[in-house]
Amino acid sequence: MSLTESIEKYCGIALGAVPGQDAASLSEAFFRALVDAGKDYGEQRHLIIVAMDHCHDVDFGERCLDRIARIDTFLQRRAAVVDREVAKRNSGVPKNKDWPAGEQYATLRFSPARTVTPELCRAVEDMVVALAKENYMEPAEGLLRDLRQGLGYYLPGEDTLRRRRTVRWLKGQNALHVWIAAMLGGREPLIRVADGAPGCWVTAASLFIDRDGRAFTYSRLEHGRLRDEDRTRWLQNTVPLTPNSALLI
């Protein structure tokens, strides 16, 4: 199967007439076809990874990696621009001024800070259930798997390339900051930022939208603090410990 046929079969994208059959021409035609098909940045990123997984051409793969890096950098720069623009628009106007709509799918994810086991994956899902019961996040279909995988915890056999929906966070950004910070730090961190990935607040902003479907951005999440000490402790205590660590309390 040719490189063109592989792209069209596994990505469902018609390339049309390509000037040349070299990796450079095919990659440019592929990227343009993704844009012409109306794929958002998350969908483009996902399909480029799918193409790399099935089209075993190093030159083509390197161009795909470069494209993903450009998308990630663009999303970070766009978030910064949106932050500045929103701050400018909201200067001197009511606080409920509309924020930009969030993405439907998450483009980034954390990496696990502990050894992944089925037991720990279930504990992560239990944490999500506890938060949903307290109305911190919307209990949408697929929530447990989407957020567990967004935190970097995959069960054996799960597809690491599947698209993960963004999670609707129902409380304020300060509460989200406290919870993410608790998973990143504390006595036993649960998550970390993947090597070469954007910072923790950029990653967190990719995973969540607010209760009205609007985007979080890293600058909104980076500086958060809850005045309610009981709520802060509760959020921190939702983070599970591994069994051996629990014995040390």
C-alpha atoms as a PDB file:
ATOM      1  CA  MET A   1       0.000   0.000   0.000  1.00  0.00           C
ATOM      2  CA  SER A   2       1.416   3.383  -0.980  1.00  0.00           C
ATOM      3  CA  LEU A   3       1.894   6.229   1.454  1.00  0.00           C
ATOM      4  CA  THR A   4      -1.009   8.098  -0.164  1.00  0.00           C
ATOM      5  CA  GLU A   5      -3.297   5.072   0.116  1.00  0.00           C
ATOM      6  CA  SER A   6      -2.335   4.556   3.766  1.00  0.00           C
ATOM      7  CA  ILE A   7      -3.145   8.159   4.675  1.00  0.00           C
ATOM      8  CA  GLU A   8      -6.513   8.033   2.935  1.00  0.00           C
ATOM      9  CA  LYS A   9      -7.428   4.635   4.409  1.00  0.00           C
ATOM     10  CA  TYR A  10      -6.492   5.162   8.036  1.00  0.00           C
ATOM     11  CA  CYS A  11      -7.261   8.867   8.355  1.00  0.00           C
ATOM     12  CA  GLY A  12     -10.352   9.066   6.161  1.00  0.00           C
ATOM     13  CA  ILE A  13      -8.922  12.083   4.335  1.00  0.00           C
ATOM     14  CA  ALA A  14      -8.922  12.371   0.538  1.00  0.00           C
ATOM     15  CA  LEU A  15      -5.689  13.975  -0.646  1.00  0.00           C
ATOM     16  CA  GLY A  16      -6.740  14.576  -4.219  1.00  0.00           C
ATOM     17  CA  ALA A  17      -4.043  15.323  -6.778  1.00  0.00           C
ATOM     18  CA  VAL A  18      -0.592  15.580  -5.189  1.00  0.00           C
ATOM     19  CA  PRO A  19       2.147  17.294  -7.246  1.00  0.00           C
ATOM     20  CA  GLY A  20       4.782  14.784  -6.158  1.00  0.00           C
ATOM     21  CA  GLN A  21       4.909  11.505  -4.266  1.00  0.00           C
ATOM     22  CA  ASP A  22       7.814  12.453  -2.021  1.00  0.00           C
ATOM     23  CA  ALA A  23       7.306  12.795   1.737  1.00  0.00           C
ATOM     24  CA  ALA A  24       7.402  16.597   1.656  1.00  0.00           C
ATOM     25  CA  SER A  25       4.677  16.893  -0.995  1.00  0.00           C
ATOM     26  CA  LEU A  26       2.481  14.244   0.624  1.00  0.00           C
ATOM     27  CA  SER A  27       2.768  15.727   4.103  1.00  0.00           C
ATOM     28  CA  GLU A  28       1.882  19.218   2.870  1.00  0.00           C
ATOM     29  CA  ALA A  29      -1.082  17.811   0.924  1.00  0.00           C
ATOM     30  CA  PHE A  30      -2.190  15.875   4.018  1.00  0.00           C
ATOM     31  CA  PHE A  31      -1.988  18.895   6.330  1.00  0.00           C
ATOM     32  CA  ARG A  32      -3.864  21.059   3.830  1.00  0.00           C
ATOM     33  CA  ALA A  33      -6.539  18.368   3.412  1.00  0.00           C
ATOM     34  CA  LEU A  34      -7.077  18.317   7.193  1.00  0.00           C
ATOM     35  CA  VAL A  35      -7.650  22.061   7.192  1.00  0.00           C
ATOM     36  CA  ASP A  36      -9.906  21.933   4.125  1.00  0.00           C
ATOM     37  CA  ALA A  37     -11.966  19.191   5.790  1.00  0.00           C
ATOM     38  CA  GLY A  38     -12.705  21.549   8.681  1.00  0.00           C
ATOM     39  CA  LYS A  39     -10.814  19.565  11.313  1.00  0.00           C
ATOM     40  CA  ASP A  40     -10.098  21.541  14.483  1.00  0.00           C
ATOM     41  CA  TYR A  41      -6.620  21.588  16.017  1.00  0.00           C
ATOM     42  CA  GLY A  42      -7.311  18.650  18.311  1.00  0.00           C
ATOM     43  CA  GLU A  43      -8.667  16.548  15.442  1.00  0.00           C
ATOM     44  CA  GLN A  44      -5.725  17.495  13.228  1.00  0.00           C
ATOM     45  CA  ARG A  45      -3.276  16.500  15.933  1.00  0.00           C
ATOM     46  CA  HIS A  46      -5.038  13.167  16.474  1.00  0.00           C
ATOM     47  CA  LEU A  47      -5.139  12.265  12.772  1.00  0.00           C
ATOM     48  CA  ILE A  48      -1.507  13.215  12.263  1.00  0.00           C
ATOM     49  CA  ILE A  49      -0.593  10.783  15.054  1.00  0.00           C
ATOM     50  CA  VAL A  50      -2.756   8.115  13.389  1.00  0.00           C
ATOM     51  CA  ALA A  51      -0.937   8.731  10.099  1.00  0.00           C
ATOM     52  CA  MET A  52       2.458   8.333  11.783  1.00  0.00           C
ATOM     53  CA  ASP A  53       1.277   5.089  13.365  1.00  0.00           C
ATOM     54  CA  HIS A  54       0.340   3.531  10.020  1.00  0.00           C
ATOM     55  CA  CYS A  55       2.647   5.201   7.481  1.00  0.00           C
ATOM     56  CA  HIS A  56       6.115   3.929   8.275  1.00  0.00           C
ATOM     57  CA  ASP A  57       8.158   6.500   6.401  1.00  0.00           C
ATOM     58  CA  VAL A  58      10.742   8.346   8.502  1.00  0.00           C
ATOM     59  CA  ASP A  59      10.766  11.506   6.352  1.00  0.00           C
ATOM     60  CA  PHE A  60       6.983  11.714   6.467  1.00  0.00           C
ATOM     61  CA  GLY A  61       6.996  10.952  10.204  1.00  0.00           C
ATOM     62  CA  GLU A  62       9.476  13.723  10.944  1.00  0.00           C
ATOM     63  CA  ARG A  63       7.277  16.237   9.122  1.00  0.00           C
ATOM     64  CA  CYS A  64       4.308  15.003  11.149  1.00  0.00           C
ATOM     65  CA  LEU A  65       6.242  15.543  14.387  1.00  0.00           C
ATOM     66  CA  ASP A  66       7.162  19.044  13.259  1.00  0.00           C
ATOM     67  CA  ARG A  67       3.505  19.776  12.481  1.00  0.00           C
ATOM     68  CA  ILE A  68       2.355  18.559  15.920  1.00  0.00           C
ATOM     69  CA  ALA A  69       5.010  20.720  17.574  1.00  0.00           C
ATOM     70  CA  ARG A  70       3.748  23.710  15.577  1.00  0.00           C
ATOM     71  CA  ILE A  71       0.144  23.020  16.619  1.00  0.00           C
ATOM     72  CA  ASP A  72       1.125  22.757  20.300  1.00  0.00           C
ATOM     73  CA  THR A  73       3.157  25.972  20.127  1.00  0.00           C
ATOM     74  CA  PHE A  74       0.327  27.735  18.321  1.00  0.00           C
ATOM     75  CA  LEU A  75      -2.211  26.663  20.956  1.00  0.00           C
ATOM     76  CA  GLN A  76       0.012  28.054  23.704  1.00  0.00           C
ATOM     77  CA  ARG A  77       0.532  31.342  21.867  1.00  0.00           C
ATOM     78  CA  ARG A  78      -3.180  31.579  21.087  1.00  0.00           C
ATOM     79  CA  ALA A  79      -4.032  31.032  24.757  1.00  0.00           C
ATOM     80  CA  ALA A  80      -1.730  33.892  25.718  1.00  0.00           C
ATOM     81  CA  VAL A  81      -3.261  36.191  23.092  1.00  0.00           C
ATOM     82  CA  VAL A  82      -6.788  35.249  24.186  1.00  0.00           C
ATOM     83  CA  ASP A  83      -5.859  36.001  27.792  1.00  0.00           C
ATOM     84  CA  ARG A  84      -4.594  39.466  26.883  1.00  0.00           C
ATOM     85  CA  GLU A  85      -7.584  40.199  24.669  1.00  0.00           C
ATOM     86  CA  VAL A  86     -10.083  39.047  27.268  1.00  0.00           C
ATOM     87  CA  ALA A  87      -8.325  41.080  29.951  1.00  0.00           C
ATOM     88  CA  LYS A  88      -8.484  44.123  27.685  1.00  0.00           C
ATOM     89  CA  ARG A  89     -12.190  43.604  26.911  1.00  0.00           C
ATOM     90  CA  ASN A  90     -13.051  42.986  30.545  1.00  0.00           C
ATOM     91  CA  SER A  91     -11.218  46.014  31.831  1.00  0.00           C
ATOM     92  CA  GLY A  92     -13.902  48.152  33.446  1.00  0.00           C
ATOM     93  CA  VAL A  93     -16.792  45.920  32.322  1.00  0.00           C
ATOM     94  CA  PRO A  94     -18.890  43.392  34.277  1.00  0.00           C
ATOM     95  CA  LYS A  95     -17.164  40.181  35.306  1.00  0.00           C
ATOM     96  CA  ASN A  96     -19.620  37.980  33.441  1.00  0.00           C
ATOM     97  CA  LYS A  97     -18.320  39.130  30.066  1.00  0.00           C
ATOM     98  CA  ASP A  98     -18.207  36.128  27.723  1.00  0.00           C
ATOM     99  CA  TRP A  99     -14.978  34.129  27.494  1.00  0.00           C
ATOM    100  CA  PRO A 100     -14.020  32.227  24.331  1.00  0.00           C
ATOM    101  CA  ALA A 101     -15.721  28.867  23.837  1.00  0.00           C
ATOM    102  CA  GLY A 102     -13.649  25.837  24.809  1.00  0.00           C
ATOM    103  CA  GLU A 103     -12.544  23.011  22.543  1.00  0.00           C
ATOM    104  CA  GLN A 104     -14.670  19.877  22.330  1.00  0.00           C
ATOM    105  CA  TYR A 105     -11.674  17.576  22.638  1.00  0.00           C
ATOM    106  CA  ALA A 106      -8.530  17.757  24.756  1.00  0.00           C
ATOM    107  CA  THR A 107      -5.254  18.067  22.864  1.00  0.00           C
ATOM    108  CA  LEU A 108      -2.855  17.497  25.762  1.00  0.00           C
ATOM    109  CA  ARG A 109      -2.588  15.160  28.728  1.00  0.00           C
ATOM    110  CA  PHE A 110      -0.495  14.635  31.834  1.00  0.00           C
ATOM    111  CA  SER A 111       1.824  11.695  32.434  1.00  0.00           C
ATOM    112  CA  PRO A 112       1.490   9.376  35.439  1.00  0.00           C
ATOM    113  CA  ALA A 113       3.861  10.120  38.315  1.00  0.00           C
ATOM    114  CA  ARG A 114       3.430   6.602  39.722  1.00  0.00           C
ATOM    115  CA  THR A 115       3.553   3.067  38.393  1.00  0.00           C
ATOM    116  CA  VAL A 116       0.294   2.469  36.540  1.00  0.00           C
ATOM    117  CA  THR A 117      -1.726  -0.473  37.822  1.00  0.00           C
ATOM    118  CA  PRO A 118      -5.397  -1.418  37.367  1.00  0.00           C
ATOM    119  CA  GLU A 119      -5.898  -0.770  41.094  1.00  0.00           C
ATOM    120  CA  LEU A 120      -4.497   2.743  40.839  1.00  0.00           C
ATOM    121  CA  CYS A 121      -6.584   3.419  37.716  1.00  0.00           C
ATOM    122  CA  ARG A 122      -9.690   2.466  39.705  1.00  0.00           C
ATOM    123  CA  ALA A 123      -8.576   4.746  42.538  1.00  0.00           C
ATOM    124  CA  VAL A 124      -8.223   7.610  40.065  1.00  0.00           C
ATOM    125  CA  GLU A 125     -11.759   6.947  38.825  1.00  0.00           C
ATOM    126  CA  ASP A 126     -13.005   6.862  42.443  1.00  0.00           C
ATOM    127  CA  MET A 127     -11.471  10.317  42.914  1.00  0.00           C
ATOM    128  CA  VAL A 128     -13.344  11.577  39.846  1.00  0.00           C
ATOM    129  CA  VAL A 129     -16.601  10.064  41.138  1.00  0.00           C
ATOM    130  CA  ALA A 130     -16.131  11.839  44.478  1.00  0.00           C
ATOM    131  CA  LEU A 131     -15.606  15.174  42.754  1.00  0.00           C
ATOM    132  CA  ALA A 132     -18.612  14.660  40.485  1.00  0.00           C
ATOM    133  CA  LYS A 133     -20.827  13.820  43.493  1.00  0.00           C
ATOM    134  CA  GLU A 134     -19.843  17.135  45.053  1.00  0.00           C
ATOM    135  CA  ASN A 135     -20.712  18.943  41.797  1.00  0.00           C
ATOM    136  CA  TYR A 136     -17.156  19.875  40.909  1.00  0.00           C
ATOM    137  CA  MET A 137     -17.520  18.409  37.444  1.00  0.00           C
ATOM    138  CA  GLU A 138     -20.325  17.371  35.168  1.00  0.00           C
ATOM    139  CA  PRO A 139     -20.998  13.601  35.280  1.00  0.00           C
ATOM    140  CA  ALA A 140     -21.108  13.256  31.499  1.00  0.00           C
ATOM    141  CA  GLU A 141     -20.952   9.961  29.612  1.00  0.00           C
ATOM    142  CA  GLY A 142     -17.378   8.749  29.382  1.00  0.00           C
ATOM    143  CA  LEU A 143     -16.173  11.121  32.117  1.00  0.00           C
ATOM    144  CA  LEU A 144     -14.271   8.509  34.123  1.00  0.00           C
ATOM    145  CA  ARG A 145     -12.276   7.209  31.172  1.00  0.00           C
ATOM    146  CA  ASP A 146     -11.731  10.619  29.539  1.00  0.00           C
ATOM    147  CA  LEU A 147     -10.370  12.246  32.684  1.00  0.00           C
ATOM    148  CA  ARG A 148      -8.437   9.205  33.894  1.00  0.00           C
ATOM    149  CA  GLN A 149      -6.652   9.077  30.556  1.00  0.00           C
ATOM    150  CA  GLY A 150      -6.233  12.849  30.585  1.00  0.00           C
ATOM    151  CA  LEU A 151      -4.319  12.384  33.845  1.00  0.00           C
ATOM    152  CA  GLY A 152      -2.135   9.809  32.094  1.00  0.00           C
ATOM    153  CA  TYR A 153      -3.592   6.588  33.496  1.00  0.00           C
ATOM    154  CA  TYR A 154      -4.382   3.987  30.836  1.00  0.00           C
ATOM    155  CA  LEU A 155      -5.558   0.451  31.477  1.00  0.00           C
ATOM    156  CA  PRO A 156      -3.844  -2.394  29.569  1.00  0.00           C
ATOM    157  CA  GLY A 157      -5.104  -2.540  25.991  1.00  0.00           C
ATOM    158  CA  GLU A 158      -6.603   0.957  25.923  1.00  0.00           C
ATOM    159  CA  ASP A 159      -5.945   3.050  22.832  1.00  0.00           C
ATOM    160  CA  THR A 160      -3.574   5.882  23.743  1.00  0.00           C
ATOM    161  CA  LEU A 161      -4.607   7.725  20.568  1.00  0.00           C
ATOM    162  CA  ARG A 162      -8.352   7.865  21.253  1.00  0.00           C
ATOM    163  CA  ARG A 163      -9.882  11.319  21.398  1.00  0.00           C
ATOM    164  CA  ARG A 164     -10.722  12.513  24.900  1.00  0.00           C
ATOM    165  CA  ARG A 165     -13.562  14.963  25.450  1.00  0.00           C
ATOM    166  CA  THR A 166     -12.890  18.010  27.555  1.00  0.00           C
ATOM    167  CA  VAL A 167     -14.422  17.852  31.040  1.00  0.00           C
ATOM    168  CA  ARG A 168     -16.891  20.483  32.210  1.00  0.00           C
ATOM    169  CA  TRP A 169     -15.659  21.902  35.541  1.00  0.00           C
ATOM    170  CA  LEU A 170     -18.601  23.310  37.486  1.00  0.00           C
ATOM    171  CA  LYS A 171     -16.797  25.242  40.220  1.00  0.00           C
ATOM    172  CA  GLY A 172     -14.446  28.205  40.039  1.00  0.00           C
ATOM    173  CA  GLN A 173     -10.964  28.251  38.598  1.00  0.00           C
ATOM    174  CA  ASN A 174      -9.431  28.579  42.072  1.00  0.00           C
ATOM    175  CA  ALA A 175     -10.823  25.179  43.059  1.00  0.00           C
ATOM    176  CA  LEU A 176      -9.470  23.638  39.866  1.00  0.00           C
ATOM    177  CA  HIS A 177      -6.046  25.129  40.584  1.00  0.00           C
ATOM    178  CA  VAL A 178      -6.015  23.652  44.101  1.00  0.00           C
ATOM    179  CA  TRP A 179      -6.968  20.177  42.877  1.00  0.00           C
ATOM    180  CA  ILE A 180      -4.438  20.116  40.015  1.00  0.00           C
ATOM    181  CA  ALA A 181      -1.725  21.424  42.348  1.00  0.00           C
ATOM    182  CA  ALA A 182      -2.554  18.672  44.844  1.00  0.00           C
ATOM    183  CA  MET A 183      -2.074  16.002  42.171  1.00  0.00           C
ATOM    184  CA  LEU A 184       1.215  17.553  41.029  1.00  0.00           C
ATOM    185  CA  GLY A 185       2.694  17.988  44.514  1.00  0.00           C
ATOM    186  CA  GLY A 186       2.133  16.804  48.029  1.00  0.00           C
ATOM    187  CA  ARG A 187       3.719  13.789  49.648  1.00  0.00           C
ATOM    188  CA  GLU A 188       2.996  11.523  46.710  1.00  0.00           C
ATOM    189  CA  PRO A 189       2.405  13.245  43.335  1.00  0.00           C
ATOM    190  CA  LEU A 190      -0.134  11.559  41.075  1.00  0.00           C
ATOM    191  CA  ILE A 191       0.644  13.324  37.792  1.00  0.00           C
ATOM    192  CA  ARG A 192       3.508  15.110  36.092  1.00  0.00           C
ATOM    193  CA  VAL A 193       4.084  17.011  32.890  1.00  0.00           C
ATOM    194  CA  ALA A 194       5.255  14.785  30.043  1.00  0.00           C
ATOM    195  CA  ASP A 195       8.798  15.277  28.782  1.00  0.00           C
ATOM    196  CA  GLY A 196       8.845  17.992  26.127  1.00  0.00           C
ATOM    197  CA  ALA A 197       5.188  18.896  26.727  1.00  0.00           C
ATOM    198  CA  PRO A 198       3.868  22.359  27.622  1.00  0.00           C
ATOM    199  CA  GLY A 199       3.645  23.378  31.282  1.00  0.00           C
ATOM    200  CA  CYS A 200       1.187  21.978  33.796  1.00  0.00           C
ATOM    201  CA  TRP A 201      -1.334  24.843  33.541  1.00  0.00           C
ATOM    202  CA  VAL A 202      -1.340  24.743  29.732  1.00  0.00           C
ATOM    203  CA  THR A 203      -2.044  21.008  29.973  1.00  0.00           C
ATOM    204  CA  ALA A 204      -4.765  21.525  32.594  1.00  0.00           C
ATOM    205  CA  ALA A 205      -6.412  24.191  30.443  1.00  0.00           C
ATOM    206  CA  SER A 206      -6.599  21.695  27.576  1.00  0.00           C
ATOM    207  CA  LEU A 207      -8.464  19.135  29.713  1.00  0.00           C
ATOM    208  CA  PHE A 208     -11.273  21.337  31.045  1.00  0.00           C
ATOM    209  CA  ILE A 209     -13.933  23.842  30.063  1.00  0.00           C
ATOM    210  CA  ASP A 210     -15.927  25.882  32.549  1.00  0.00           C
ATOM    211  CA  ARG A 211     -19.590  25.313  33.462  1.00  0.00           C
ATOM    212  CA  ASP A 212     -20.704  27.470  30.510  1.00  0.00           C
ATOM    213  CA  GLY A 213     -18.485  25.670  27.988  1.00  0.00           C
ATOM    214  CA  ARG A 214     -15.883  28.427  27.925  1.00  0.00           C
ATOM    215  CA  ALA A 215     -12.141  27.906  27.711  1.00  0.00           C
ATOM    216  CA  PHE A 216      -9.785  27.887  30.631  1.00  0.00           C
ATOM    217  CA  THR A 217      -6.346  29.279  29.858  1.00  0.00           C
ATOM    218  CA  TYR A 218      -3.129  28.693  31.699  1.00  0.00           C
ATOM    219  CA  SER A 219      -2.877  32.237  33.046  1.00  0.00           C
ATOM    220  CA  ARG A 220      -6.363  31.903  34.579  1.00  0.00           C
ATOM    221  CA  LEU A 221      -5.377  28.653  36.296  1.00  0.00           C
ATOM    222  CA  GLU A 222      -1.797  29.341  37.302  1.00  0.00           C
ATOM    223  CA  HIS A 223      -2.556  31.709  40.180  1.00  0.00           C
ATOM    224  CA  GLY A 224      -5.401  30.197  42.192  1.00  0.00           C
ATOM    225  CA  ARG A 225      -6.112  30.086  45.897  1.00  0.00           C
ATOM    226  CA  LEU A 226      -9.189  29.069  47.872  1.00  0.00           C
ATOM    227  CA  ARG A 227     -10.065  31.055  50.974  1.00  0.00           C
ATOM    228  CA  ASP A 228     -12.099  28.133  52.294  1.00  0.00           C
ATOM    229  CA  GLU A 229      -9.527  25.995  54.104  1.00  0.00           C
ATOM    230  CA  ASP A 230     -11.926  23.086  54.597  1.00  0.00           C
ATOM    231  CA  ARG A 231     -12.664  22.918  50.880  1.00  0.00           C
ATOM    232  CA  THR A 232      -8.954  23.154  50.123  1.00  0.00           C
ATOM    233  CA  ARG A 233      -8.177  20.215  52.413  1.00  0.00           C
ATOM    234  CA  TRP A 234     -11.069  18.211  50.957  1.00  0.00           C
ATOM    235  CA  LEU A 235      -9.800  18.691  47.412  1.00  0.00           C
ATOM    236  CA  GLN A 236      -6.285  17.775  48.459  1.00  0.00           C
ATOM    237  CA  ASN A 237      -7.520  14.654  50.222  1.00  0.00           C
ATOM    238  CA  THR A 238      -9.330  13.363  47.132  1.00  0.00           C
ATOM    239  CA  VAL A 239      -5.956  12.499  45.604  1.00  0.00           C
ATOM    240  CA  PRO A 240      -5.486   8.750  46.184  1.00  0.00           C
ATOM    241  CA  LEU A 241      -2.427   7.223  47.803  1.00  0.00           C
ATOM    242  CA  THR A 242      -0.969   3.934  46.652  1.00  0.00           C
ATOM    243  CA  PRO A 243      -1.606   1.092  49.146  1.00  0.00           C
ATOM    244  CA  ASN A 244       1.937   0.988  50.542  1.00  0.00           C
ATOM    245  CA  SER A 245       1.992   4.745  51.018  1.00  0.00           C
ATOM    246  CA  ALA A 246      -1.262   4.639  52.973  1.00  0.00           C
ATOM    247  CA  LEU A 247       0.505   2.555  55.636  1.00  0.00           C
ATOM    248  CA  LEU A 248       2.895   5.436  56.301  1.00  0.00           C
ATOM    249  CA  ILE A 249       0.187   7.865  57.468  1.00  0.00           C
END
